[in-house]
């Protein structure tokens, strides 16, 4: 009797575990709707603002770079994107955004225009393109599933 009860419990557990598995597309959609979309949009807004002030004054560059640095930790703390190519470009985007915003802030702080400009260029050339690639990959995957 006890063996039969254990066997039924084991079968029910296997059925629950295998019945509840999700597809890669569902996992990606869950990531996107549970914070991923919000953080991607915040990074896009902040990086676009840094891009817009690239020819501006230190008073314009500083706050833009500081806002990006302020919002980066929330994006960096997200769980990994459940799509390897998107995760690779996301990590590259965050790395470029952090490096660029850090250098920009340091350049503004020391009133070193060349350093601030190098930081902004890093955001423009490393952060933004990888961010666009991440968004494109996610949207393509979600549309195809």
N, C-alpha and C. Protein backbone atom coordinates (compact mmCIF):
# COMPACT_ATOMS: atom_id res chain seq x y z
N UNK A 1 0.82 -1.19 0.00
CA UNK A 1 0.00 0.00 0.00
C UNK A 1 0.87 1.26 0.00
N UNK A 2 1.87 1.27 0.90
CA UNK A 2 2.77 2.41 0.97
C UNK A 2 3.55 2.57 -0.33
N UNK A 3 4.01 1.49 -0.93
CA UNK A 3 4.75 1.54 -2.19
C UNK A 3 3.87 2.10 -3.30
N UNK A 4 2.60 1.73 -3.31
CA UNK A 4 1.68 2.23 -4.33
C UNK A 4 1.48 3.74 -4.18
N UNK A 5 1.36 4.20 -2.93
CA UNK A 5 1.18 5.63 -2.67
C UNK A 5 2.41 6.41 -3.10
N UNK A 6 3.60 5.86 -2.83
CA UNK A 6 4.83 6.51 -3.26
C UNK A 6 4.93 6.57 -4.78
N UNK A 7 4.52 5.52 -5.46
CA UNK A 7 4.57 5.49 -6.92
C UNK A 7 3.63 6.52 -7.52
N UNK A 8 2.43 6.64 -6.95
CA UNK A 8 1.46 7.62 -7.45
C UNK A 8 1.99 9.03 -7.22
N UNK A 9 2.59 9.27 -6.05
CA UNK A 9 3.16 10.58 -5.75
C UNK A 9 4.27 10.91 -6.73
N UNK A 10 5.12 9.94 -7.03
CA UNK A 10 6.22 10.16 -7.96
C UNK A 10 5.69 10.48 -9.36
N UNK A 11 4.68 9.76 -9.82
CA UNK A 11 4.11 10.00 -11.14
C UNK A 11 3.47 11.39 -11.19
N UNK A 12 2.75 11.76 -10.13
CA UNK A 12 2.10 13.08 -10.08
C UNK A 12 3.15 14.19 -10.10
N UNK A 13 4.25 13.99 -9.38
CA UNK A 13 5.31 14.99 -9.35
C UNK A 13 5.94 15.16 -10.71
N UNK A 14 6.23 14.06 -11.39
CA UNK A 14 6.80 14.13 -12.73
C UNK A 14 5.83 14.83 -13.68
N UNK A 15 4.55 14.52 -13.58
CA UNK A 15 3.56 15.14 -14.46
C UNK A 15 3.49 16.65 -14.21
N UNK A 16 3.55 17.05 -12.96
CA UNK A 16 3.52 18.48 -12.64
C UNK A 16 4.75 19.19 -13.17
N UNK A 17 5.90 18.60 -12.95
CA UNK A 17 7.15 19.23 -13.37
C UNK A 17 7.22 19.33 -14.89
N UNK A 18 6.91 18.26 -15.59
CA UNK A 18 6.99 18.30 -17.04
C UNK A 18 5.84 19.08 -17.65
N UNK A 19 4.70 19.09 -17.00
CA UNK A 19 3.55 19.82 -17.51
C UNK A 19 3.68 21.32 -17.34
N UNK A 20 4.52 21.77 -16.45
CA UNK A 20 4.64 23.20 -16.16
C UNK A 20 5.84 23.85 -16.84
N UNK A 21 6.55 23.10 -17.65
CA UNK A 21 7.72 23.71 -18.27
C UNK A 21 7.27 24.73 -19.30
N UNK A 22 8.07 25.73 -19.48
CA UNK A 22 7.72 26.79 -20.42
C UNK A 22 8.66 26.75 -21.61
N UNK A 23 8.23 27.36 -22.69
CA UNK A 23 9.04 27.40 -23.89
C UNK A 23 10.06 28.53 -23.77
N UNK A 24 11.11 28.50 -24.57
CA UNK A 24 12.07 29.62 -24.56
C UNK A 24 11.40 30.97 -24.85
N UNK A 25 10.42 30.96 -25.76
CA UNK A 25 9.71 32.20 -26.06
C UNK A 25 8.92 32.71 -24.87
N UNK A 26 8.31 31.80 -24.12
CA UNK A 26 7.57 32.20 -22.92
C UNK A 26 8.52 32.74 -21.85
N UNK A 27 9.68 32.10 -21.72
CA UNK A 27 10.67 32.58 -20.76
C UNK A 27 11.14 33.98 -21.12
N UNK A 28 11.38 34.22 -22.41
CA UNK A 28 11.82 35.54 -22.86
C UNK A 28 10.72 36.57 -22.63
N UNK A 29 9.49 36.21 -22.93
CA UNK A 29 8.37 37.13 -22.70
C UNK A 29 8.23 37.45 -21.22
N UNK A 30 8.39 36.45 -20.37
CA UNK A 30 8.34 36.69 -18.91
C UNK A 30 9.44 37.66 -18.48
N UNK A 31 10.65 37.46 -18.99
CA UNK A 31 11.76 38.35 -18.64
C UNK A 31 11.43 39.78 -19.08
N UNK A 32 10.94 39.88 -20.30
CA UNK A 32 10.67 41.20 -20.90
C UNK A 32 9.56 41.93 -20.14
N UNK A 33 8.48 41.22 -19.81
CA UNK A 33 7.34 41.87 -19.16
C UNK A 33 7.52 42.05 -17.66
N UNK A 34 8.47 41.36 -17.07
CA UNK A 34 8.65 41.48 -15.62
C UNK A 34 9.84 42.37 -15.26
N UNK A 35 10.10 43.37 -16.06
CA UNK A 35 11.15 44.32 -15.74
C UNK A 35 12.14 44.59 -16.85
N UNK A 36 12.31 43.64 -17.75
CA UNK A 36 13.27 43.82 -18.84
C UNK A 36 12.92 44.99 -19.73
N UNK A 37 11.67 45.07 -20.14
CA UNK A 37 11.25 46.16 -21.02
C UNK A 37 11.47 47.52 -20.36
N UNK A 38 11.12 47.61 -19.10
CA UNK A 38 11.27 48.88 -18.37
C UNK A 38 12.74 49.30 -18.30
N UNK A 39 13.62 48.37 -18.02
CA UNK A 39 15.04 48.70 -17.91
C UNK A 39 15.66 49.01 -19.26
N UNK A 40 15.25 48.29 -20.29
CA UNK A 40 15.75 48.59 -21.63
C UNK A 40 15.34 50.01 -22.02
N UNK A 41 14.09 50.34 -21.75
CA UNK A 41 13.60 51.68 -22.10
C UNK A 41 14.34 52.76 -21.31
N UNK A 42 14.63 52.50 -20.04
CA UNK A 42 15.36 53.48 -19.23
C UNK A 42 16.77 53.67 -19.78
N UNK A 43 17.44 52.58 -20.15
CA UNK A 43 18.78 52.70 -20.72
C UNK A 43 18.73 53.45 -22.05
N UNK A 44 17.71 53.17 -22.86
CA UNK A 44 17.58 53.86 -24.14
C UNK A 44 17.38 55.36 -23.93
N UNK A 45 16.50 55.71 -23.01
CA UNK A 45 16.25 57.13 -22.73
C UNK A 45 17.51 57.84 -22.24
N UNK A 46 18.18 57.22 -21.27
CA UNK A 46 19.38 57.85 -20.70
C UNK A 46 20.51 57.96 -21.72
N UNK A 47 20.74 56.88 -22.47
CA UNK A 47 21.81 56.90 -23.47
C UNK A 47 21.48 57.88 -24.59
N UNK A 48 20.23 57.98 -24.97
CA UNK A 48 19.83 58.95 -26.00
C UNK A 48 20.05 60.37 -25.51
N UNK A 49 19.79 60.60 -24.24
CA UNK A 49 20.03 61.93 -23.68
C UNK A 49 21.51 62.27 -23.69
N UNK A 50 22.35 61.30 -23.32
CA UNK A 50 23.81 61.51 -23.38
C UNK A 50 24.20 61.83 -24.82
N UNK A 51 23.66 61.11 -25.77
CA UNK A 51 23.94 61.35 -27.18
C UNK A 51 23.52 62.77 -27.58
N UNK A 52 22.37 63.20 -27.13
CA UNK A 52 21.86 64.53 -27.49
C UNK A 52 22.73 65.67 -26.98
N UNK A 53 23.37 65.48 -25.82
CA UNK A 53 24.17 66.56 -25.24
C UNK A 53 25.64 66.46 -25.63
N UNK A 54 25.96 65.61 -26.57
CA UNK A 54 27.36 65.37 -26.93
C UNK A 54 28.10 66.64 -27.34
N UNK A 55 27.41 67.59 -27.90
CA UNK A 55 28.06 68.83 -28.32
C UNK A 55 27.71 69.97 -27.36
N UNK A 56 27.17 69.61 -26.22
CA UNK A 56 26.74 70.62 -25.26
C UNK A 56 27.83 71.03 -24.29
N UNK A 57 27.39 71.66 -23.23
CA UNK A 57 28.30 72.14 -22.19
C UNK A 57 28.45 71.10 -21.09
N UNK A 58 29.42 71.32 -20.22
CA UNK A 58 29.59 70.43 -19.08
C UNK A 58 28.30 70.38 -18.25
N UNK A 59 27.61 71.51 -18.15
CA UNK A 59 26.37 71.56 -17.38
C UNK A 59 25.27 70.69 -17.98
N UNK A 60 25.36 70.40 -19.25
CA UNK A 60 24.41 69.50 -19.90
C UNK A 60 24.89 68.06 -19.86
N UNK A 61 26.18 67.87 -20.09
CA UNK A 61 26.75 66.52 -20.12
C UNK A 61 26.70 65.85 -18.75
N UNK A 62 27.10 66.59 -17.74
CA UNK A 62 27.20 66.02 -16.39
C UNK A 62 25.91 65.35 -15.93
N UNK A 63 24.78 66.07 -15.91
CA UNK A 63 23.54 65.44 -15.45
C UNK A 63 23.11 64.25 -16.30
N UNK A 64 23.33 64.34 -17.62
CA UNK A 64 22.95 63.23 -18.50
C UNK A 64 23.75 61.97 -18.16
N UNK A 65 25.06 62.13 -17.98
CA UNK A 65 25.91 60.98 -17.65
C UNK A 65 25.61 60.46 -16.24
N UNK A 66 25.35 61.37 -15.31
CA UNK A 66 25.02 60.95 -13.94
C UNK A 66 23.70 60.19 -13.89
N UNK A 67 22.70 60.63 -14.67
CA UNK A 67 21.43 59.90 -14.70
C UNK A 67 21.63 58.48 -15.23
N UNK A 68 22.43 58.35 -16.27
CA UNK A 68 22.71 57.03 -16.81
C UNK A 68 23.38 56.15 -15.76
N UNK A 69 24.36 56.70 -15.07
CA UNK A 69 25.04 55.94 -14.01
C UNK A 69 24.08 55.59 -12.87
N UNK A 70 23.17 56.46 -12.58
CA UNK A 70 22.21 56.23 -11.49
C UNK A 70 21.26 55.08 -11.83
N UNK A 71 20.88 54.97 -13.10
CA UNK A 71 19.91 53.95 -13.50
C UNK A 71 20.53 52.61 -13.91
N UNK A 72 21.83 52.59 -14.16
CA UNK A 72 22.48 51.35 -14.60
C UNK A 72 22.37 50.18 -13.62
N UNK A 73 22.51 50.39 -12.31
CA UNK A 73 22.45 49.23 -11.42
C UNK A 73 21.16 48.41 -11.53
N UNK A 74 20.03 49.05 -11.71
CA UNK A 74 18.77 48.30 -11.84
C UNK A 74 18.80 47.41 -13.08
N UNK A 75 19.36 47.91 -14.17
CA UNK A 75 19.47 47.11 -15.40
C UNK A 75 20.48 45.98 -15.22
N UNK A 76 21.58 46.28 -14.55
CA UNK A 76 22.63 45.27 -14.33
C UNK A 76 22.17 44.17 -13.37
N UNK A 77 21.21 44.48 -12.51
CA UNK A 77 20.73 43.51 -11.53
C UNK A 77 19.64 42.58 -12.06
N UNK A 78 19.17 42.81 -13.26
CA UNK A 78 18.16 41.92 -13.83
C UNK A 78 18.72 40.52 -14.00
N UNK A 79 17.82 39.54 -13.95
CA UNK A 79 18.22 38.18 -14.28
C UNK A 79 18.72 38.15 -15.72
N UNK A 80 19.50 37.15 -16.04
CA UNK A 80 20.00 37.00 -17.40
C UNK A 80 18.83 36.85 -18.37
N UNK A 81 18.98 37.43 -19.55
CA UNK A 81 17.96 37.26 -20.59
C UNK A 81 17.99 35.80 -21.02
N UNK A 82 16.83 35.14 -21.07
CA UNK A 82 16.82 33.73 -21.44
C UNK A 82 16.95 33.50 -22.95
N UNK A 83 17.82 34.24 -23.56
CA UNK A 83 18.17 34.09 -24.97
C UNK A 83 19.64 34.49 -25.06
N UNK A 84 20.49 33.54 -25.35
CA UNK A 84 21.94 33.79 -25.28
C UNK A 84 22.43 34.94 -26.16
N UNK A 85 22.04 35.00 -27.44
CA UNK A 85 22.52 36.13 -28.24
C UNK A 85 22.06 37.49 -27.69
N UNK A 86 20.82 37.57 -27.21
CA UNK A 86 20.33 38.82 -26.62
C UNK A 86 21.08 39.14 -25.33
N UNK A 87 21.39 38.12 -24.55
CA UNK A 87 22.13 38.33 -23.30
C UNK A 87 23.53 38.86 -23.58
N UNK A 88 24.15 38.34 -24.63
CA UNK A 88 25.51 38.79 -24.98
C UNK A 88 25.50 40.27 -25.36
N UNK A 89 24.56 40.67 -26.22
CA UNK A 89 24.51 42.08 -26.61
C UNK A 89 24.06 42.98 -25.47
N UNK A 90 23.20 42.48 -24.60
CA UNK A 90 22.75 43.25 -23.43
C UNK A 90 23.93 43.52 -22.50
N UNK A 91 24.71 42.51 -22.22
CA UNK A 91 25.88 42.70 -21.35
C UNK A 91 26.87 43.67 -21.99
N UNK A 92 27.07 43.56 -23.30
CA UNK A 92 27.98 44.47 -24.00
C UNK A 92 27.43 45.90 -23.96
N UNK A 93 26.12 46.04 -24.09
CA UNK A 93 25.50 47.37 -24.02
C UNK A 93 25.72 47.98 -22.64
N UNK A 94 25.44 47.20 -21.60
CA UNK A 94 25.59 47.72 -20.24
C UNK A 94 27.05 48.07 -19.93
N UNK A 95 27.96 47.25 -20.43
CA UNK A 95 29.39 47.52 -20.21
C UNK A 95 29.79 48.82 -20.91
N UNK A 96 29.36 49.01 -22.15
CA UNK A 96 29.67 50.23 -22.88
C UNK A 96 29.04 51.46 -22.25
N UNK A 97 27.80 51.31 -21.80
CA UNK A 97 27.11 52.43 -21.16
C UNK A 97 27.80 52.81 -19.85
N UNK A 98 28.17 51.81 -19.05
CA UNK A 98 28.84 52.10 -17.77
C UNK A 98 30.20 52.75 -18.00
N UNK A 99 30.98 52.16 -18.90
CA UNK A 99 32.31 52.70 -19.17
C UNK A 99 32.21 54.14 -19.69
N UNK A 100 31.32 54.36 -20.65
CA UNK A 100 31.18 55.68 -21.23
C UNK A 100 30.67 56.71 -20.24
N UNK A 101 29.64 56.37 -19.48
CA UNK A 101 29.08 57.32 -18.51
C UNK A 101 30.07 57.63 -17.41
N UNK A 102 30.84 56.63 -17.00
CA UNK A 102 31.86 56.85 -15.96
C UNK A 102 32.93 57.81 -16.46
N UNK A 103 33.40 57.59 -17.68
CA UNK A 103 34.43 58.47 -18.24
C UNK A 103 33.87 59.88 -18.49
N UNK A 104 32.65 59.95 -18.95
CA UNK A 104 32.01 61.24 -19.17
C UNK A 104 31.91 62.02 -17.85
N UNK A 105 31.44 61.36 -16.81
CA UNK A 105 31.30 62.02 -15.51
C UNK A 105 32.66 62.50 -15.00
N UNK A 106 33.68 61.65 -15.14
CA UNK A 106 35.02 62.03 -14.70
C UNK A 106 35.54 63.22 -15.50
N UNK A 107 35.29 63.22 -16.80
CA UNK A 107 35.73 64.34 -17.64
C UNK A 107 35.03 65.63 -17.28
N UNK A 108 33.75 65.54 -17.02
CA UNK A 108 32.99 66.72 -16.60
C UNK A 108 33.51 67.22 -15.26
N UNK A 109 33.74 66.28 -14.34
CA UNK A 109 34.21 66.65 -13.00
C UNK A 109 35.55 67.34 -13.01
N UNK A 110 36.42 66.95 -13.92
CA UNK A 110 37.76 67.56 -14.00
C UNK A 110 37.82 68.64 -15.09
N UNK A 111 36.66 68.94 -15.68
CA UNK A 111 36.57 69.91 -16.77
C UNK A 111 37.53 69.58 -17.92
N UNK A 112 37.61 68.29 -18.20
CA UNK A 112 38.44 67.77 -19.29
C UNK A 112 37.50 67.39 -20.44
N UNK A 113 37.37 68.31 -21.40
CA UNK A 113 36.44 68.10 -22.50
C UNK A 113 36.74 66.88 -23.33
N UNK A 114 38.01 66.58 -23.55
CA UNK A 114 38.38 65.41 -24.34
C UNK A 114 37.93 64.12 -23.66
N UNK A 115 38.13 64.07 -22.34
CA UNK A 115 37.74 62.87 -21.59
C UNK A 115 36.21 62.72 -21.59
N UNK A 116 35.50 63.80 -21.36
CA UNK A 116 34.04 63.75 -21.38
C UNK A 116 33.55 63.30 -22.75
N UNK A 117 34.16 63.82 -23.79
CA UNK A 117 33.78 63.44 -25.16
C UNK A 117 34.07 61.97 -25.45
N UNK A 118 35.21 61.47 -24.96
CA UNK A 118 35.53 60.04 -25.14
C UNK A 118 34.46 59.18 -24.46
N UNK A 119 34.04 59.59 -23.29
CA UNK A 119 32.99 58.85 -22.60
C UNK A 119 31.70 58.83 -23.38
N UNK A 120 31.33 59.98 -23.90
CA UNK A 120 30.10 60.07 -24.69
C UNK A 120 30.23 59.22 -25.95
N UNK A 121 31.40 59.24 -26.58
CA UNK A 121 31.60 58.40 -27.77
C UNK A 121 31.48 56.91 -27.44
N UNK A 122 31.91 56.52 -26.26
CA UNK A 122 31.77 55.12 -25.85
C UNK A 122 30.30 54.76 -25.72
N UNK A 123 29.52 55.66 -25.13
CA UNK A 123 28.07 55.43 -25.05
C UNK A 123 27.50 55.30 -26.46
N UNK A 124 27.91 56.20 -27.35
CA UNK A 124 27.38 56.21 -28.71
C UNK A 124 27.80 55.00 -29.54
N UNK A 125 29.06 54.57 -29.40
CA UNK A 125 29.61 53.54 -30.27
C UNK A 125 29.57 52.12 -29.69
N UNK A 126 29.56 52.01 -28.37
CA UNK A 126 29.52 50.69 -27.73
C UNK A 126 28.17 50.40 -27.08
N UNK A 127 27.65 51.39 -26.37
CA UNK A 127 26.40 51.17 -25.64
C UNK A 127 25.17 51.12 -26.53
N UNK A 128 24.93 52.20 -27.27
CA UNK A 128 23.71 52.30 -28.07
C UNK A 128 23.57 51.22 -29.15
N UNK A 129 24.60 50.93 -29.93
CA UNK A 129 24.42 49.87 -30.95
C UNK A 129 24.10 48.50 -30.34
N UNK A 130 24.76 48.16 -29.25
CA UNK A 130 24.47 46.88 -28.60
C UNK A 130 23.08 46.88 -27.98
N UNK A 131 22.65 48.01 -27.49
CA UNK A 131 21.30 48.11 -26.94
C UNK A 131 20.27 47.92 -28.07
N UNK A 132 20.51 48.56 -29.21
CA UNK A 132 19.61 48.38 -30.37
C UNK A 132 19.58 46.92 -30.82
N UNK A 133 20.75 46.27 -30.84
CA UNK A 133 20.81 44.86 -31.23
C UNK A 133 20.02 43.99 -30.25
N UNK A 134 20.10 44.30 -28.97
CA UNK A 134 19.37 43.54 -27.95
C UNK A 134 17.87 43.67 -28.18
N UNK A 135 17.41 44.89 -28.36
CA UNK A 135 15.98 45.14 -28.57
C UNK A 135 15.51 44.44 -29.84
N UNK A 136 16.28 44.54 -30.89
CA UNK A 136 15.92 43.91 -32.16
C UNK A 136 15.80 42.40 -31.99
N UNK A 137 16.76 41.80 -31.34
CA UNK A 137 16.76 40.35 -31.11
C UNK A 137 15.53 39.93 -30.31
N UNK A 138 15.26 40.65 -29.22
CA UNK A 138 14.12 40.30 -28.38
C UNK A 138 12.81 40.44 -29.15
N UNK A 139 12.65 41.55 -29.85
CA UNK A 139 11.40 41.75 -30.60
C UNK A 139 11.22 40.70 -31.70
N UNK A 140 12.31 40.35 -32.38
CA UNK A 140 12.23 39.32 -33.41
C UNK A 140 11.82 37.96 -32.81
N UNK A 141 12.43 37.63 -31.69
CA UNK A 141 12.13 36.36 -31.03
C UNK A 141 10.69 36.32 -30.54
N UNK A 142 10.23 37.41 -29.93
CA UNK A 142 8.86 37.45 -29.41
C UNK A 142 7.85 37.40 -30.55
N UNK A 143 8.17 38.02 -31.67
CA UNK A 143 7.26 38.03 -32.82
C UNK A 143 7.17 36.66 -33.49
N UNK A 144 8.26 35.88 -33.41
CA UNK A 144 8.29 34.59 -34.09
C UNK A 144 7.70 33.46 -33.24
N UNK A 145 7.55 33.70 -31.96
CA UNK A 145 7.01 32.62 -31.09
C UNK A 145 5.52 32.74 -30.88
